[in-house]
């Protein structure tokens, strides 16, 4: 989940950011765990999490990357969340297993066709341009049967318009295929998972 620029620059930034961190850690743990599992990460996968927040998903994903070729990337717009997540996976960053990037999904600083798996939780409705960000996501993904998982908690979004069909349309328009949404539940938490596969000409 991305923290907005207005939040970052608020005079109450420390209090606001701390509260956001605690909220995400409490509410998003189950979502992050499911996102990682649904992404079907392999030991040698190159994995990217968008909007990693306090780093719960990063912490879960890195356990799957047991092969020396396995690599974890994360990108988030918030400097505060970048610092929090860096502390959480500092050991993996030091060893070179993980790298956290500060920036926007509109411009991911990774090469074309370099990522096997992507996952993100409660993230896409903060993107300024769904189609542009989806195209950038498609650019960095390797061709083939590559899953993109978006997990959305219905409880977290109560009263919020999140328009999954707009996101799915953007995925389709930018080269993804086999796009589907499934309703799921885990430990009394209800959520939706959106899957897509990067389709590229050989």
C-alpha atoms as a PDB file:
ATOM      1  CA  UNK A   1       0.000   0.000   0.000  1.00  0.00           C
ATOM      2  CA  UNK A   2       1.393   3.424  -0.933  1.00  0.00           C
ATOM      3  CA  UNK A   3       1.421   6.330   1.463  1.00  0.00           C
ATOM      4  CA  UNK A   4       0.426   9.533  -0.301  1.00  0.00           C
ATOM      5  CA  UNK A   5       2.822  12.432  -0.712  1.00  0.00           C
ATOM      6  CA  UNK A   6       0.505  14.644   1.344  1.00  0.00           C
ATOM      7  CA  UNK A   7       0.794  12.216   4.255  1.00  0.00           C
ATOM      8  CA  UNK A   8       4.574  12.161   3.969  1.00  0.00           C
ATOM      9  CA  UNK A   9       4.769  15.979   4.108  1.00  0.00           C
ATOM     10  CA  UNK A  10       2.222  16.418   6.875  1.00  0.00           C
ATOM     11  CA  UNK A  11       3.405  18.196  10.053  1.00  0.00           C
ATOM     12  CA  UNK A  12       2.165  15.102  11.866  1.00  0.00           C
ATOM     13  CA  UNK A  13       4.206  12.780   9.669  1.00  0.00           C
ATOM     14  CA  UNK A  14       5.772  10.758  12.499  1.00  0.00           C
ATOM     15  CA  UNK A  15       2.455  10.134  14.270  1.00  0.00           C
ATOM     16  CA  UNK A  16       0.530   9.531  11.029  1.00  0.00           C
ATOM     17  CA  UNK A  17       3.161   7.181   9.628  1.00  0.00           C
ATOM     18  CA  UNK A  18       3.424   5.240  12.900  1.00  0.00           C
ATOM     19  CA  UNK A  19      -0.358   4.761  12.972  1.00  0.00           C
ATOM     20  CA  UNK A  20      -0.382   3.654   9.324  1.00  0.00           C
ATOM     21  CA  UNK A  21       2.433   1.188  10.051  1.00  0.00           C
ATOM     22  CA  UNK A  22       0.542  -0.344  12.997  1.00  0.00           C
ATOM     23  CA  UNK A  23      -2.699  -0.514  11.000  1.00  0.00           C
ATOM     24  CA  UNK A  24      -1.033  -2.303   8.100  1.00  0.00           C
ATOM     25  CA  UNK A  25       0.800  -4.732  10.345  1.00  0.00           C
ATOM     26  CA  UNK A  26      -2.424  -5.676  12.118  1.00  0.00           C
ATOM     27  CA  UNK A  27      -4.809  -5.804   9.151  1.00  0.00           C
ATOM     28  CA  UNK A  28      -2.610  -6.815   6.221  1.00  0.00           C
ATOM     29  CA  UNK A  29      -0.667  -9.763   7.639  1.00  0.00           C
ATOM     30  CA  UNK A  30      -3.179 -12.348   6.435  1.00  0.00           C
ATOM     31  CA  UNK A  31      -3.492 -10.631   3.042  1.00  0.00           C
ATOM     32  CA  UNK A  32       0.264 -10.542   2.556  1.00  0.00           C
ATOM     33  CA  UNK A  33       0.658 -14.207   3.496  1.00  0.00           C
ATOM     34  CA  UNK A  34      -2.040 -15.200   1.011  1.00  0.00           C
ATOM     35  CA  UNK A  35      -0.626 -12.988  -1.736  1.00  0.00           C
ATOM     36  CA  UNK A  36       2.756 -14.684  -1.399  1.00  0.00           C
ATOM     37  CA  UNK A  37       1.268 -18.180  -1.408  1.00  0.00           C
ATOM     38  CA  UNK A  38      -1.027 -17.461  -4.363  1.00  0.00           C
ATOM     39  CA  UNK A  39       1.887 -16.100  -6.392  1.00  0.00           C
ATOM     40  CA  UNK A  40       3.405 -19.609  -6.376  1.00  0.00           C
ATOM     41  CA  UNK A  41       6.927 -18.364  -5.775  1.00  0.00           C
ATOM     42  CA  UNK A  42       9.639 -20.886  -6.643  1.00  0.00           C
ATOM     43  CA  UNK A  43      13.032 -21.178  -4.871  1.00  0.00           C
ATOM     44  CA  UNK A  44      14.823 -19.529  -7.834  1.00  0.00           C
ATOM     45  CA  UNK A  45      12.177 -16.920  -8.678  1.00  0.00           C
ATOM     46  CA  UNK A  46      12.844 -13.223  -9.147  1.00  0.00           C
ATOM     47  CA  UNK A  47      10.012 -11.621  -7.191  1.00  0.00           C
ATOM     48  CA  UNK A  48       8.685  -8.060  -6.988  1.00  0.00           C
ATOM     49  CA  UNK A  49       6.267  -6.651  -4.414  1.00  0.00           C
ATOM     50  CA  UNK A  50       4.575  -3.353  -5.230  1.00  0.00           C
ATOM     51  CA  UNK A  51       3.743  -1.034  -2.339  1.00  0.00           C
ATOM     52  CA  UNK A  52       5.414  -3.206   0.304  1.00  0.00           C
ATOM     53  CA  UNK A  53       4.434  -0.969   3.252  1.00  0.00           C
ATOM     54  CA  UNK A  54       6.006  -2.165   6.536  1.00  0.00           C
ATOM     55  CA  UNK A  55       7.480  -5.214   4.784  1.00  0.00           C
ATOM     56  CA  UNK A  56       5.245  -8.051   5.954  1.00  0.00           C
ATOM     57  CA  UNK A  57       4.953  -9.500   2.450  1.00  0.00           C
ATOM     58  CA  UNK A  58       8.676  -9.142   1.830  1.00  0.00           C
ATOM     59  CA  UNK A  59       9.401 -11.029   5.032  1.00  0.00           C
ATOM     60  CA  UNK A  60       7.057 -13.833   3.981  1.00  0.00           C
ATOM     61  CA  UNK A  61       8.237 -14.020   0.362  1.00  0.00           C
ATOM     62  CA  UNK A  62      11.950 -14.254   1.108  1.00  0.00           C
ATOM     63  CA  UNK A  63      11.415 -17.550   2.946  1.00  0.00           C
ATOM     64  CA  UNK A  64      10.436 -19.131  -0.387  1.00  0.00           C
ATOM     65  CA  UNK A  65      13.609 -18.020  -2.174  1.00  0.00           C
ATOM     66  CA  UNK A  66      15.926 -20.776  -0.991  1.00  0.00           C
ATOM     67  CA  UNK A  67      17.889 -21.097  -4.248  1.00  0.00           C
ATOM     68  CA  UNK A  68      20.977 -18.923  -4.761  1.00  0.00           C
ATOM     69  CA  UNK A  69      19.327 -17.449  -7.880  1.00  0.00           C
ATOM     70  CA  UNK A  70      16.229 -16.363  -5.968  1.00  0.00           C
ATOM     71  CA  UNK A  71      15.942 -12.585  -5.612  1.00  0.00           C
ATOM     72  CA  UNK A  72      13.396 -10.305  -3.961  1.00  0.00           C
ATOM     73  CA  UNK A  73      12.665  -6.723  -5.010  1.00  0.00           C
ATOM     74  CA  UNK A  74      10.223  -4.290  -3.485  1.00  0.00           C
ATOM     75  CA  UNK A  75       9.153  -0.790  -4.493  1.00  0.00           C
ATOM     76  CA  UNK A  76       7.245   1.757  -2.405  1.00  0.00           C
ATOM     77  CA  UNK A  77       6.663   5.496  -2.664  1.00  0.00           C
ATOM     78  CA  UNK A  78       6.976   6.206   1.071  1.00  0.00           C
ATOM     79  CA  UNK A  79      10.396   6.966   2.550  1.00  0.00           C
ATOM     80  CA  UNK A  80       9.090   6.028   5.994  1.00  0.00           C
ATOM     81  CA  UNK A  81       7.830   2.612   4.867  1.00  0.00           C
ATOM     82  CA  UNK A  82      11.096   2.066   3.000  1.00  0.00           C
ATOM     83  CA  UNK A  83      12.989   2.582   6.273  1.00  0.00           C
ATOM     84  CA  UNK A  84      10.624   0.335   8.258  1.00  0.00           C
ATOM     85  CA  UNK A  85      10.751  -2.488   5.702  1.00  0.00           C
ATOM     86  CA  UNK A  86      14.517  -2.153   5.354  1.00  0.00           C
ATOM     87  CA  UNK A  87      14.888  -2.858   9.068  1.00  0.00           C
ATOM     88  CA  UNK A  88      12.565  -5.855   8.764  1.00  0.00           C
ATOM     89  CA  UNK A  89      14.578  -7.551   5.982  1.00  0.00           C
ATOM     90  CA  UNK A  90      17.985  -6.034   6.716  1.00  0.00           C
ATOM     91  CA  UNK A  91      19.691  -9.427   6.842  1.00  0.00           C
ATOM     92  CA  UNK A  92      18.462 -10.322   3.339  1.00  0.00           C
ATOM     93  CA  UNK A  93      19.440  -6.902   1.984  1.00  0.00           C
ATOM     94  CA  UNK A  94      22.930  -7.251   3.432  1.00  0.00           C
ATOM     95  CA  UNK A  95      23.351 -10.702   1.868  1.00  0.00           C
ATOM     96  CA  UNK A  96      22.119  -9.454  -1.534  1.00  0.00           C
ATOM     97  CA  UNK A  97      18.986 -11.619  -1.488  1.00  0.00           C
ATOM     98  CA  UNK A  98      16.674  -8.578  -1.323  1.00  0.00           C
ATOM     99  CA  UNK A  99      16.710  -5.015  -2.651  1.00  0.00           C
ATOM    100  CA  UNK A 100      14.191  -2.319  -1.765  1.00  0.00           C
ATOM    101  CA  UNK A 101      13.518   0.517  -4.193  1.00  0.00           C
ATOM    102  CA  UNK A 102      12.072   3.935  -3.429  1.00  0.00           C
ATOM    103  CA  UNK A 103       9.801   5.074  -6.242  1.00  0.00           C
ATOM    104  CA  UNK A 104       6.558   4.712  -8.190  1.00  0.00           C
ATOM    105  CA  UNK A 105       5.022   1.853 -10.159  1.00  0.00           C
ATOM    106  CA  UNK A 106       4.879   4.300 -13.081  1.00  0.00           C
ATOM    107  CA  UNK A 107       8.638   3.897 -13.470  1.00  0.00           C
ATOM    108  CA  UNK A 108      10.069   0.686 -12.028  1.00  0.00           C
ATOM    109  CA  UNK A 109      13.901   0.761 -12.114  1.00  0.00           C
ATOM    110  CA  UNK A 110      14.270  -2.841 -13.322  1.00  0.00           C
ATOM    111  CA  UNK A 111      15.179  -4.220 -16.781  1.00  0.00           C
ATOM    112  CA  UNK A 112      12.618  -5.512 -19.282  1.00  0.00           C
ATOM    113  CA  UNK A 113      11.466  -9.108 -18.737  1.00  0.00           C
ATOM    114  CA  UNK A 114      13.433  -9.534 -15.520  1.00  0.00           C
ATOM    115  CA  UNK A 115      10.759 -10.576 -12.984  1.00  0.00           C
ATOM    116  CA  UNK A 116       9.054 -13.960 -12.537  1.00  0.00           C
ATOM    117  CA  UNK A 117       6.399 -13.141  -9.941  1.00  0.00           C
ATOM    118  CA  UNK A 118       4.672  -9.962  -8.810  1.00  0.00           C
ATOM    119  CA  UNK A 119       2.328  -9.519  -5.877  1.00  0.00           C
ATOM    120  CA  UNK A 120       0.713  -6.529  -4.191  1.00  0.00           C
ATOM    121  CA  UNK A 121      -1.951  -5.892  -1.565  1.00  0.00           C
ATOM    122  CA  UNK A 122      -4.419  -2.993  -1.482  1.00  0.00           C
ATOM    123  CA  UNK A 123      -2.253  -1.080  -3.886  1.00  0.00           C
ATOM    124  CA  UNK A 124      -3.584  -0.459  -7.399  1.00  0.00           C
ATOM    125  CA  UNK A 125      -6.301   2.034  -6.442  1.00  0.00           C
ATOM    126  CA  UNK A 126      -3.546   4.446  -5.402  1.00  0.00           C
ATOM    127  CA  UNK A 127      -1.910   4.327  -8.832  1.00  0.00           C
ATOM    128  CA  UNK A 128      -2.275   7.680 -10.639  1.00  0.00           C
ATOM    129  CA  UNK A 129      -2.738   5.978 -14.023  1.00  0.00           C
ATOM    130  CA  UNK A 130      -3.904   2.346 -14.058  1.00  0.00           C
ATOM    131  CA  UNK A 131      -2.995   1.703 -17.687  1.00  0.00           C
ATOM    132  CA  UNK A 132       0.453   3.299 -17.474  1.00  0.00           C
ATOM    133  CA  UNK A 133       1.317   1.395 -14.284  1.00  0.00           C
ATOM    134  CA  UNK A 134      -0.033  -1.877 -15.687  1.00  0.00           C
ATOM    135  CA  UNK A 135       2.074  -1.397 -18.820  1.00  0.00           C
ATOM    136  CA  UNK A 136       5.150  -0.826 -16.667  1.00  0.00           C
ATOM    137  CA  UNK A 137       4.350  -3.965 -14.691  1.00  0.00           C
ATOM    138  CA  UNK A 138       4.009  -5.926 -17.923  1.00  0.00           C
ATOM    139  CA  UNK A 139       7.341  -4.549 -19.148  1.00  0.00           C
ATOM    140  CA  UNK A 140       9.367  -5.889 -16.219  1.00  0.00           C
ATOM    141  CA  UNK A 141       7.751  -9.324 -16.196  1.00  0.00           C
ATOM    142  CA  UNK A 142       9.257 -12.279 -18.030  1.00  0.00           C
ATOM    143  CA  UNK A 143       7.142 -13.806 -20.815  1.00  0.00           C
ATOM    144  CA  UNK A 144       5.264 -17.017 -20.106  1.00  0.00           C
ATOM    145  CA  UNK A 145       2.831 -18.295 -17.513  1.00  0.00           C
ATOM    146  CA  UNK A 146       3.688 -15.661 -14.942  1.00  0.00           C
ATOM    147  CA  UNK A 147       1.163 -14.911 -12.232  1.00  0.00           C
ATOM    148  CA  UNK A 148       0.298 -11.467 -10.946  1.00  0.00           C
ATOM    149  CA  UNK A 149      -1.653 -11.543  -7.707  1.00  0.00           C
ATOM    150  CA  UNK A 150      -3.685  -8.699  -6.254  1.00  0.00           C
ATOM    151  CA  UNK A 151      -5.288  -9.429  -2.915  1.00  0.00           C
ATOM    152  CA  UNK A 152      -7.998  -7.082  -1.699  1.00  0.00           C
ATOM    153  CA  UNK A 153      -9.620  -7.248   1.711  1.00  0.00           C
ATOM    154  CA  UNK A 154     -13.304  -6.513   1.545  1.00  0.00           C
ATOM    155  CA  UNK A 155     -13.279  -5.466   5.203  1.00  0.00           C
ATOM    156  CA  UNK A 156     -10.423  -3.008   4.740  1.00  0.00           C
ATOM    157  CA  UNK A 157     -12.201  -1.373   1.827  1.00  0.00           C
ATOM    158  CA  UNK A 158     -15.624  -1.063   3.403  1.00  0.00           C
ATOM    159  CA  UNK A 159     -17.151   2.122   2.032  1.00  0.00           C
ATOM    160  CA  UNK A 160     -14.310   2.600  -0.436  1.00  0.00           C
ATOM    161  CA  UNK A 161     -14.829   2.352  -4.204  1.00  0.00           C
ATOM    162  CA  UNK A 162     -12.024   0.216  -5.564  1.00  0.00           C
ATOM    163  CA  UNK A 163     -13.378  -0.768  -9.021  1.00  0.00           C
ATOM    164  CA  UNK A 164     -11.618  -4.088  -9.691  1.00  0.00           C
ATOM    165  CA  UNK A 165     -13.045  -4.134 -13.224  1.00  0.00           C
ATOM    166  CA  UNK A 166     -11.051  -0.978 -14.074  1.00  0.00           C
ATOM    167  CA  UNK A 167      -7.846  -2.610 -12.908  1.00  0.00           C
ATOM    168  CA  UNK A 168      -8.632  -5.827 -14.796  1.00  0.00           C
ATOM    169  CA  UNK A 169      -9.429  -3.848 -17.953  1.00  0.00           C
ATOM    170  CA  UNK A 170      -6.070  -2.071 -17.638  1.00  0.00           C
ATOM    171  CA  UNK A 171      -4.278  -5.417 -17.310  1.00  0.00           C
ATOM    172  CA  UNK A 172      -6.022  -6.732 -20.417  1.00  0.00           C
ATOM    173  CA  UNK A 173      -5.252  -3.577 -22.402  1.00  0.00           C
ATOM    174  CA  UNK A 174      -1.542  -3.760 -21.590  1.00  0.00           C
ATOM    175  CA  UNK A 175      -0.819  -7.362 -22.544  1.00  0.00           C
ATOM    176  CA  UNK A 176      -1.981  -9.593 -19.708  1.00  0.00           C
ATOM    177  CA  UNK A 177      -4.198 -12.621 -20.309  1.00  0.00           C
ATOM    178  CA  UNK A 178      -6.143 -15.230 -18.310  1.00  0.00           C
ATOM    179  CA  UNK A 179      -7.350 -12.492 -15.968  1.00  0.00           C
ATOM    180  CA  UNK A 180      -9.743 -13.613 -13.258  1.00  0.00           C
ATOM    181  CA  UNK A 181     -10.920 -12.655  -9.779  1.00  0.00           C
ATOM    182  CA  UNK A 182     -11.727 -15.132  -7.022  1.00  0.00           C
ATOM    183  CA  UNK A 183     -13.400 -14.606  -3.655  1.00  0.00           C
ATOM    184  CA  UNK A 184     -11.483 -16.169  -0.768  1.00  0.00           C
ATOM    185  CA  UNK A 185     -11.459 -16.347   3.000  1.00  0.00           C
ATOM    186  CA  UNK A 186      -8.758 -17.133   5.533  1.00  0.00           C
ATOM    187  CA  UNK A 187      -9.066 -16.949   9.331  1.00  0.00           C
ATOM    188  CA  UNK A 188     -12.390 -15.117   9.022  1.00  0.00           C
ATOM    189  CA  UNK A 189     -10.858 -12.487   6.718  1.00  0.00           C
ATOM    190  CA  UNK A 190     -12.649 -12.200   3.370  1.00  0.00           C
ATOM    191  CA  UNK A 191     -10.744 -10.936   0.353  1.00  0.00           C
ATOM    192  CA  UNK A 192     -10.607 -11.040  -3.426  1.00  0.00           C
ATOM    193  CA  UNK A 193      -7.623 -12.232  -5.397  1.00  0.00           C
ATOM    194  CA  UNK A 194      -7.021 -11.060  -8.974  1.00  0.00           C
ATOM    195  CA  UNK A 195      -4.780 -13.226 -11.155  1.00  0.00           C
ATOM    196  CA  UNK A 196      -3.236 -12.429 -14.528  1.00  0.00           C
ATOM    197  CA  UNK A 197      -0.509 -13.809 -16.769  1.00  0.00           C
ATOM    198  CA  UNK A 198       2.008 -11.725 -18.716  1.00  0.00           C
ATOM    199  CA  UNK A 199       1.659 -12.545 -22.398  1.00  0.00           C
ATOM    200  CA  UNK A 200       4.467 -11.459 -24.713  1.00  0.00           C
ATOM    201  CA  UNK A 201       5.379 -12.147 -28.304  1.00  0.00           C
ATOM    202  CA  UNK A 202       8.392 -14.445 -28.614  1.00  0.00           C
END
